[in-house]
N, C-alpha and C. Protein backbone atom coordinates (compact mmCIF):
# COMPACT_ATOMS: atom_id res chain seq x y z
N UNK A 1 -9.13 -20.31 2.63
CA UNK A 1 -8.59 -19.17 2.44
C UNK A 1 -7.26 -19.19 1.79
N UNK A 2 -7.09 -18.20 0.96
CA UNK A 2 -5.80 -18.07 0.39
C UNK A 2 -4.55 -17.55 1.10
N UNK A 3 -3.47 -18.07 0.80
CA UNK A 3 -2.21 -17.44 1.53
C UNK A 3 -1.86 -16.14 1.20
N UNK A 4 -2.47 -15.57 0.22
CA UNK A 4 -2.14 -14.25 -0.27
C UNK A 4 -3.13 -13.21 0.28
N UNK A 5 -2.39 -12.30 0.95
CA UNK A 5 -3.40 -11.22 1.70
C UNK A 5 -2.93 -9.70 1.22
N UNK A 6 -3.93 -8.93 1.17
CA UNK A 6 -3.69 -7.52 0.63
C UNK A 6 -3.84 -6.69 1.89
N UNK A 7 -2.79 -6.00 2.18
CA UNK A 7 -3.00 -5.06 3.32
C UNK A 7 -3.06 -3.57 2.70
N UNK A 8 -4.13 -2.82 3.13
CA UNK A 8 -4.21 -1.43 2.86
C UNK A 8 -3.80 -0.36 3.90
N UNK A 9 -2.77 0.53 3.42
CA UNK A 9 -2.33 1.59 4.34
C UNK A 9 -3.45 2.53 4.32
N UNK A 10 -4.43 2.65 4.94
CA UNK A 10 -5.72 3.13 4.51
C UNK A 10 -6.17 4.56 4.91
N UNK A 11 -5.34 5.14 5.80
CA UNK A 11 -5.65 6.62 6.14
C UNK A 11 -5.92 7.47 5.00
N UNK A 12 -5.24 7.66 4.03
CA UNK A 12 -5.26 8.32 2.81
C UNK A 12 -5.41 7.74 1.42
N UNK A 13 -5.94 6.51 1.48
CA UNK A 13 -5.70 5.58 0.26
C UNK A 13 -7.05 6.05 -0.65
N UNK A 14 -6.93 6.41 -1.82
CA UNK A 14 -8.08 6.57 -2.77
C UNK A 14 -8.39 5.42 -3.45
N UNK A 15 -7.97 4.36 -3.26
CA UNK A 15 -8.18 3.06 -4.13
C UNK A 15 -8.63 1.91 -3.42
N UNK A 16 -9.25 2.21 -2.19
CA UNK A 16 -9.78 1.04 -1.36
C UNK A 16 -10.89 0.36 -2.29
N UNK A 17 -11.69 0.87 -2.67
CA UNK A 17 -12.76 0.23 -3.22
C UNK A 17 -12.22 -0.54 -4.37
N UNK A 18 -11.40 -0.24 -5.25
CA UNK A 18 -10.59 -1.00 -6.26
C UNK A 18 -9.95 -2.15 -5.67
N UNK A 19 -9.19 -2.04 -4.58
CA UNK A 19 -8.62 -3.02 -3.96
C UNK A 19 -9.64 -4.19 -3.24
N UNK A 20 -10.72 -3.82 -2.96
CA UNK A 20 -11.74 -4.65 -2.45
C UNK A 20 -12.17 -5.53 -3.62
N UNK A 21 -12.52 -4.94 -4.67
CA UNK A 21 -12.93 -5.60 -6.01
C UNK A 21 -12.11 -6.68 -6.46
N UNK A 22 -10.72 -6.23 -6.53
CA UNK A 22 -9.73 -7.41 -6.91
C UNK A 22 -9.66 -8.54 -5.80
N UNK A 23 -9.75 -8.14 -4.54
CA UNK A 23 -9.66 -9.19 -3.62
C UNK A 23 -10.81 -9.96 -3.52
N UNK A 24 -12.15 -9.54 -3.89
CA UNK A 24 -13.41 -10.40 -3.94
C UNK A 24 -13.09 -11.40 -5.20
N UNK A 25 -12.48 -10.77 -6.33
CA UNK A 25 -12.42 -11.66 -7.38
C UNK A 25 -11.46 -12.95 -7.20
N UNK A 26 -10.51 -12.82 -6.46
CA UNK A 26 -9.46 -13.67 -6.05
C UNK A 26 -9.72 -14.41 -4.86
N UNK A 27 -10.94 -13.83 -4.05
CA UNK A 27 -11.05 -14.30 -2.58
C UNK A 27 -10.01 -14.36 -1.65
N UNK A 28 -9.29 -13.10 -1.67
CA UNK A 28 -8.27 -12.88 -0.88
C UNK A 28 -8.73 -12.15 0.53
N UNK A 29 -7.96 -12.10 1.39
CA UNK A 29 -8.21 -11.42 2.80
C UNK A 29 -7.63 -10.04 2.60
N UNK A 30 -8.24 -9.18 3.08
CA UNK A 30 -7.96 -7.82 2.97
C UNK A 30 -7.81 -7.27 4.46
N UNK A 31 -6.76 -6.56 4.88
CA UNK A 31 -6.91 -5.77 6.09
C UNK A 31 -6.69 -4.38 5.79
N UNK A 32 -7.62 -3.71 6.27
CA UNK A 32 -7.56 -2.11 6.18
C UNK A 32 -7.12 -1.45 7.30
N UNK A 33 -5.89 -1.04 7.44
CA UNK A 33 -5.20 -0.60 8.61
C UNK A 33 -5.20 0.97 8.66
N UNK A 34 -5.64 1.47 9.70
CA UNK A 34 -5.76 2.94 9.90
C UNK A 34 -5.65 3.40 11.22
N UNK A 35 -5.42 4.75 11.50
CA UNK A 35 -5.47 5.15 13.01
C UNK A 35 -6.64 5.88 13.51
N UNK A 36 -7.64 5.54 12.50
CA UNK A 36 -8.87 6.17 12.79
C UNK A 36 -10.04 5.20 12.10
N UNK A 37 -11.31 5.40 12.58
CA UNK A 37 -12.40 4.43 11.87
C UNK A 37 -12.48 4.87 10.56
N UNK A 38 -12.72 3.74 9.57
CA UNK A 38 -12.75 3.93 8.15
C UNK A 38 -13.97 2.80 7.85
N UNK A 39 -14.86 3.36 7.05
CA UNK A 39 -16.11 2.33 6.53
C UNK A 39 -15.33 1.41 5.67
N UNK A 40 -15.94 0.04 6.09
CA UNK A 40 -15.55 -0.96 4.98
C UNK A 40 -16.76 -1.81 4.71
N UNK A 41 -16.70 -2.36 3.61
CA UNK A 41 -17.82 -3.33 3.31
C UNK A 41 -17.96 -4.61 4.29
N UNK A 42 -19.24 -4.86 4.46
CA UNK A 42 -19.34 -6.04 5.35
C UNK A 42 -19.13 -7.42 4.69
N UNK A 43 -17.81 -7.75 4.98
CA UNK A 43 -17.66 -9.05 4.44
C UNK A 43 -16.51 -9.71 5.35
N UNK A 44 -16.73 -11.23 5.32
CA UNK A 44 -15.90 -11.91 6.16
C UNK A 44 -14.38 -11.81 5.62
N UNK A 45 -14.22 -11.33 4.52
CA UNK A 45 -12.79 -11.21 3.72
C UNK A 45 -12.08 -9.91 4.07
N UNK A 46 -12.90 -8.98 4.68
CA UNK A 46 -12.34 -7.46 5.03
C UNK A 46 -12.32 -7.29 6.44
N UNK A 47 -11.15 -7.09 6.84
CA UNK A 47 -10.85 -6.84 8.31
C UNK A 47 -10.45 -5.42 8.45
N UNK A 48 -11.24 -4.74 9.28
CA UNK A 48 -10.73 -3.23 9.79
C UNK A 48 -9.91 -3.49 10.80
N UNK A 49 -8.85 -2.71 10.75
CA UNK A 49 -7.71 -2.66 12.10
C UNK A 49 -7.47 -1.19 12.21
N UNK A 50 -7.89 -0.75 13.45
CA UNK A 50 -7.74 0.49 13.89
C UNK A 50 -6.46 0.45 15.09
N UNK A 51 -5.47 1.11 14.70
CA UNK A 51 -4.22 1.17 15.52
C UNK A 51 -4.25 2.58 16.46
N UNK A 52 -3.48 2.58 17.30
CA UNK A 52 -3.27 3.89 17.96
C UNK A 52 -2.68 5.00 17.05
N UNK A 53 -3.24 6.09 17.25
CA UNK A 53 -2.73 7.40 16.48
C UNK A 53 -1.16 7.41 16.92
N UNK A 54 -0.33 7.84 15.94
CA UNK A 54 0.85 8.15 16.06
C UNK A 54 1.90 7.87 14.78
N UNK A 55 3.06 8.39 14.98
CA UNK A 55 3.95 8.20 13.48
C UNK A 55 4.32 6.66 13.56
N UNK A 56 3.95 6.45 12.29
CA UNK A 56 4.22 4.73 11.80
C UNK A 56 3.67 3.61 12.72
N UNK A 57 2.75 3.85 13.30
CA UNK A 57 2.02 2.84 14.13
C UNK A 57 1.34 1.91 13.18
N UNK A 58 0.55 2.42 12.17
CA UNK A 58 -0.05 1.58 11.23
C UNK A 58 0.95 1.00 10.32
N UNK A 59 2.05 1.62 9.78
CA UNK A 59 2.96 1.04 9.11
C UNK A 59 3.64 -0.12 9.71
N UNK A 60 4.03 0.03 11.12
CA UNK A 60 4.76 -0.87 11.82
C UNK A 60 3.88 -2.12 11.83
N UNK A 61 2.37 -1.99 12.10
CA UNK A 61 1.34 -2.98 12.19
C UNK A 61 1.53 -4.05 10.86
N UNK A 62 1.45 -3.13 9.77
CA UNK A 62 1.66 -3.87 8.39
C UNK A 62 2.96 -4.62 8.14
N UNK A 63 3.88 -3.98 8.54
CA UNK A 63 5.33 -4.34 8.07
C UNK A 63 5.51 -5.66 9.07
N UNK A 64 5.02 -5.68 10.30
CA UNK A 64 5.41 -6.97 11.05
C UNK A 64 4.57 -8.07 10.60
N UNK A 65 3.53 -7.93 9.62
CA UNK A 65 2.76 -9.00 9.19
C UNK A 65 2.85 -9.58 7.85
N UNK A 66 3.14 -8.56 6.88
CA UNK A 66 3.23 -8.68 5.56
C UNK A 66 4.59 -9.44 5.07
N UNK A 67 3.99 -10.76 4.58
CA UNK A 67 5.27 -11.66 4.03
C UNK A 67 5.56 -11.72 2.49
N UNK A 68 6.00 -12.82 2.10
CA UNK A 68 6.54 -12.96 0.76
C UNK A 68 5.26 -13.13 -0.40
N UNK A 69 4.21 -13.55 0.21
CA UNK A 69 3.06 -13.62 -0.66
C UNK A 69 2.06 -12.53 -0.68
N UNK A 70 2.35 -11.56 0.32
CA UNK A 70 1.40 -10.42 0.61
C UNK A 70 1.64 -9.20 -0.41
N UNK A 71 0.57 -8.27 -0.47
CA UNK A 71 0.50 -7.26 -1.29
C UNK A 71 0.13 -6.18 -0.42
N UNK A 72 1.02 -4.90 -0.35
CA UNK A 72 0.67 -3.84 0.58
C UNK A 72 0.46 -2.69 -0.40
N UNK A 73 -0.91 -1.92 -0.14
CA UNK A 73 -1.28 -0.93 -0.89
C UNK A 73 -0.84 0.42 -0.01
N UNK A 74 0.29 1.21 -0.58
CA UNK A 74 0.61 2.26 0.31
C UNK A 74 1.32 3.26 -0.57
N UNK A 75 1.29 4.51 -0.08
CA UNK A 75 2.11 5.54 -0.70
C UNK A 75 3.32 5.99 0.17
N UNK A 76 3.37 5.24 1.01
CA UNK A 76 4.55 5.52 2.19
C UNK A 76 5.66 4.77 1.66
N UNK A 77 6.73 5.62 1.40
CA UNK A 77 7.92 4.96 0.70
C UNK A 77 8.85 4.06 1.77
N UNK A 78 8.99 4.58 3.10
CA UNK A 78 9.62 3.60 3.89
C UNK A 78 8.94 2.23 4.27
N UNK A 79 7.55 2.39 4.16
CA UNK A 79 6.81 1.16 4.59
C UNK A 79 7.03 0.17 3.14
N UNK A 80 7.19 0.87 2.08
CA UNK A 80 7.22 -0.01 0.86
C UNK A 80 8.41 -0.63 0.80
N UNK A 81 9.63 0.16 1.31
CA UNK A 81 10.81 -0.52 1.56
C UNK A 81 10.76 -1.63 2.48
N UNK A 82 10.20 -1.53 3.61
CA UNK A 82 10.26 -2.56 4.68
C UNK A 82 9.49 -3.83 4.21
N UNK A 83 8.24 -3.43 3.28
CA UNK A 83 7.59 -4.82 2.57
C UNK A 83 8.57 -5.57 1.65
N UNK A 84 9.19 -4.78 0.79
CA UNK A 84 10.12 -5.46 -0.12
C UNK A 84 11.19 -6.14 0.47
N UNK A 85 11.77 -5.50 1.75
CA UNK A 85 12.84 -6.39 2.46
C UNK A 85 12.25 -7.71 3.04
N UNK A 86 10.89 -7.74 3.31
CA UNK A 86 10.26 -9.08 3.89
C UNK A 86 9.86 -9.94 2.68
N UNK A 87 10.10 -9.60 1.49
CA UNK A 87 9.77 -10.22 0.39
C UNK A 87 8.35 -9.99 -0.40
N UNK A 88 7.80 -9.33 0.23
CA UNK A 88 6.15 -8.96 -0.35
C UNK A 88 6.36 -7.77 -1.42
N UNK A 89 5.05 -7.36 -1.85
CA UNK A 89 5.05 -6.61 -2.96
C UNK A 89 4.33 -5.31 -2.31
N UNK A 90 4.75 -4.17 -3.04
CA UNK A 90 4.16 -3.04 -2.52
C UNK A 90 3.64 -2.12 -3.65
N UNK A 91 2.47 -1.67 -3.83
CA UNK A 91 1.93 -0.98 -4.91
C UNK A 91 1.54 0.48 -4.56
N UNK A 92 1.77 1.65 -5.12
CA UNK A 92 1.26 2.95 -4.66
C UNK A 92 -0.09 2.90 -5.24
N UNK A 93 -0.87 4.11 -4.60
CA UNK A 93 -2.34 4.09 -5.13
C UNK A 93 -2.42 4.66 -6.47
N UNK A 94 -1.36 4.96 -7.12
CA UNK A 94 -1.45 5.50 -8.45
C UNK A 94 -0.99 4.22 -9.39
N UNK A 95 -0.83 3.07 -8.94
CA UNK A 95 -0.55 2.00 -9.64
C UNK A 95 0.92 1.73 -9.95
N UNK A 96 1.79 2.51 -9.40
CA UNK A 96 3.14 2.27 -9.78
C UNK A 96 3.77 1.41 -8.78
N UNK A 97 4.09 0.12 -9.11
CA UNK A 97 4.83 -0.85 -8.06
C UNK A 97 6.15 -0.15 -7.35
N UNK A 98 6.33 -0.49 -6.19
CA UNK A 98 7.62 -0.22 -5.78
C UNK A 98 8.37 -1.52 -5.98
N UNK A 99 9.75 -1.44 -6.48
CA UNK A 99 10.60 -2.57 -6.61
C UNK A 99 11.86 -2.26 -6.13
N UNK A 100 12.50 -3.62 -6.12
CA UNK A 100 13.95 -3.38 -5.48
C UNK A 100 15.02 -2.61 -6.43
N UNK A 101 14.39 -2.36 -7.57
CA UNK A 101 15.33 -1.53 -8.62
C UNK A 101 14.82 -0.08 -8.25
N UNK A 102 13.70 0.28 -7.78
CA UNK A 102 13.22 1.73 -7.75
C UNK A 102 13.06 2.29 -6.24
N UNK A 103 13.25 1.38 -5.18
CA UNK A 103 13.00 1.87 -3.89
C UNK A 103 14.15 2.79 -3.34
N UNK A 104 15.25 2.43 -3.77
CA UNK A 104 16.43 3.29 -3.57
C UNK A 104 16.35 4.79 -3.81
N UNK A 105 15.90 4.92 -5.30
CA UNK A 105 15.80 6.39 -5.61
C UNK A 105 14.58 6.89 -5.13
N UNK A 106 13.59 6.24 -4.76
CA UNK A 106 12.28 6.79 -4.16
C UNK A 106 12.66 7.21 -2.73
N UNK A 107 13.58 6.55 -2.03
CA UNK A 107 13.80 6.73 -0.58
C UNK A 107 14.84 8.09 -0.83
N UNK A 108 15.66 8.25 -1.69
CA UNK A 108 16.31 9.42 -1.69
C UNK A 108 15.72 10.66 -2.39
N UNK A 109 14.62 10.30 -3.01
CA UNK A 109 13.99 11.60 -3.43
C UNK A 109 12.91 12.15 -2.21
N UNK A 110 12.56 11.24 -1.30
CA UNK A 110 11.66 11.58 -0.15
C UNK A 110 12.64 12.26 0.77
N UNK A 111 13.85 11.67 0.96
CA UNK A 111 14.81 12.54 1.94
C UNK A 111 15.10 13.91 1.23
N UNK A 112 15.38 13.95 -0.05
CA UNK A 112 15.57 15.34 -0.50
C UNK A 112 14.57 16.23 -0.31
N UNK A 113 13.20 15.64 -0.50
CA UNK A 113 11.89 16.54 -0.24
C UNK A 113 11.78 17.06 1.00
N UNK A 114 12.05 16.07 2.00
CA UNK A 114 12.17 16.32 3.39
C UNK A 114 13.14 17.48 3.86
N UNK A 115 14.41 17.40 3.26
CA UNK A 115 15.43 18.54 3.52
C UNK A 115 14.91 19.55 2.98
N UNK A 116 14.45 19.80 1.83
CA UNK A 116 13.99 20.99 1.28
C UNK A 116 12.90 21.79 1.86
N UNK A 117 12.03 20.75 2.56
CA UNK A 117 10.82 21.35 3.21
C UNK A 117 11.27 22.08 4.72
N UNK A 118 12.41 21.25 5.06
CA UNK A 118 12.93 21.87 6.52
C UNK A 118 13.58 23.14 6.15
N UNK A 119 14.15 23.31 5.05
CA UNK A 119 14.92 24.63 4.76
C UNK A 119 13.87 25.73 4.39
N UNK A 120 12.62 25.40 4.23
CA UNK A 120 11.54 26.38 3.91
C UNK A 120 11.10 26.54 2.61
N UNK A 121 11.49 25.46 1.91
CA UNK A 121 11.04 25.39 0.25
C UNK A 121 9.65 24.77 0.45
N UNK A 122 8.94 25.20 -0.57
CA UNK A 122 7.72 24.78 -0.86
C UNK A 122 7.74 23.77 -2.01
N UNK A 123 7.58 22.62 -1.80
CA UNK A 123 7.74 21.62 -2.75
C UNK A 123 6.38 21.10 -3.63
N UNK A 124 5.27 21.47 -3.16
CA UNK A 124 4.11 21.43 -4.01
C UNK A 124 3.32 20.14 -3.88
N UNK A 125 3.94 19.00 -3.18
CA UNK A 125 3.08 17.98 -2.89
C UNK A 125 2.95 16.99 -4.01
N UNK A 126 2.23 15.88 -4.10
CA UNK A 126 2.18 15.05 -5.05
C UNK A 126 0.93 15.76 -6.05
N UNK A 127 1.24 15.03 -7.31
CA UNK A 127 0.22 15.72 -8.37
C UNK A 127 -1.06 15.12 -8.14
N UNK A 128 -2.23 15.73 -8.53
CA UNK A 128 -3.76 15.22 -8.34
C UNK A 128 -3.98 13.75 -8.73
N UNK A 129 -4.63 13.04 -8.19
CA UNK A 129 -5.04 11.68 -8.38
C UNK A 129 -6.02 11.84 -9.54
N UNK A 130 -5.87 10.94 -10.61
CA UNK A 130 -6.83 10.98 -12.05
C UNK A 130 -7.32 9.62 -12.17
N UNK A 131 -8.32 9.63 -13.07
CA UNK A 131 -8.81 8.28 -13.41
C UNK A 131 -7.80 7.31 -14.04
N UNK A 132 -6.80 7.90 -14.91
CA UNK A 132 -5.69 6.85 -15.25
C UNK A 132 -5.06 6.26 -14.27
N UNK A 133 -4.98 6.93 -13.07
CA UNK A 133 -4.22 6.30 -11.97
C UNK A 133 -5.04 5.19 -11.52
N UNK A 134 -6.19 5.37 -11.31
CA UNK A 134 -7.19 4.41 -10.66
C UNK A 134 -7.06 3.02 -11.67
N UNK A 135 -7.09 3.43 -13.00
CA UNK A 135 -7.01 2.25 -13.81
C UNK A 135 -5.65 1.31 -13.74
N UNK A 136 -4.49 2.29 -13.61
CA UNK A 136 -3.32 1.73 -13.52
C UNK A 136 -3.13 0.96 -12.17
N UNK A 137 -3.76 1.39 -11.19
CA UNK A 137 -3.86 0.53 -10.03
C UNK A 137 -4.42 -0.67 -10.00
N UNK A 138 -5.73 -0.71 -10.77
CA UNK A 138 -6.43 -1.93 -11.00
C UNK A 138 -5.60 -2.97 -11.75
N UNK A 139 -4.82 -2.63 -12.67
CA UNK A 139 -3.98 -3.41 -13.36
C UNK A 139 -2.79 -4.03 -12.63
N UNK A 140 -2.20 -3.15 -12.22
CA UNK A 140 -1.01 -3.24 -11.12
C UNK A 140 -1.45 -4.24 -10.08
N UNK A 141 -2.57 -4.23 -9.29
CA UNK A 141 -2.99 -4.99 -8.43
C UNK A 141 -3.28 -6.39 -8.95
N UNK A 142 -3.83 -6.48 -10.02
CA UNK A 142 -4.14 -7.81 -10.42
C UNK A 142 -2.71 -8.50 -11.05
N UNK A 143 -1.82 -7.81 -11.56
CA UNK A 143 -0.47 -8.25 -11.70
C UNK A 143 0.06 -8.89 -10.49
N UNK A 144 0.19 -7.95 -9.54
CA UNK A 144 0.73 -8.45 -8.14
C UNK A 144 0.15 -9.61 -7.65
N UNK A 145 -1.19 -9.83 -7.75
CA UNK A 145 -1.84 -10.96 -7.33
C UNK A 145 -1.38 -12.34 -8.07
N UNK A 146 -1.21 -12.09 -9.44
CA UNK A 146 -0.70 -13.17 -10.33
C UNK A 146 0.60 -13.49 -9.83
N UNK A 147 1.48 -12.47 -9.63
CA UNK A 147 2.86 -12.82 -9.24
C UNK A 147 3.02 -13.61 -7.90
N UNK A 148 2.12 -13.15 -6.88
CA UNK A 148 1.96 -13.73 -5.71
C UNK A 148 1.46 -15.22 -5.72
N UNK A 149 0.44 -15.33 -6.74
CA UNK A 149 0.01 -16.85 -6.97
C UNK A 149 1.02 -17.83 -7.42
N UNK A 150 2.03 -17.23 -7.95
CA UNK A 150 3.25 -18.15 -8.49
C UNK A 150 4.17 -18.50 -7.38
N UNK A 151 3.90 -17.63 -6.29
CA UNK A 151 4.96 -17.93 -5.02
C UNK A 151 4.21 -18.93 -4.05
N UNK A 152 3.00 -19.08 -4.29
CA UNK A 152 2.34 -19.90 -3.18
C UNK A 152 2.61 -21.35 -3.44
């Protein structure tokens, strides 16, 4: 089995099937982490992990395990920051990788959005997920696997 693993922050992830396909191509272990039951393909390479409900419990489970050759699929910016700190890679479902160069501004933007919402502003939320996001994700995950393979 490979040393590279893919962790999916799965509760609201629209690209799980794409991640499974890339993982199968490279024979990578996948952990599908959520706080509720999620259907997963029957495969010895895919493990469903159901954690207790609560803020950041799934994030904590992933962050405690994801290391330098691992890839985490998440839209959660604080989780992405923790993964980067551990030396791993984090990719948003839209295919945009989180990097050391971009994570600071992403965290700041998140904090500003939270502040605006706490003041009663309606911020509109993320833009709708599109086919080009799915395509960008497939390419980004493939590139991340190849970067991780160079670390092994």
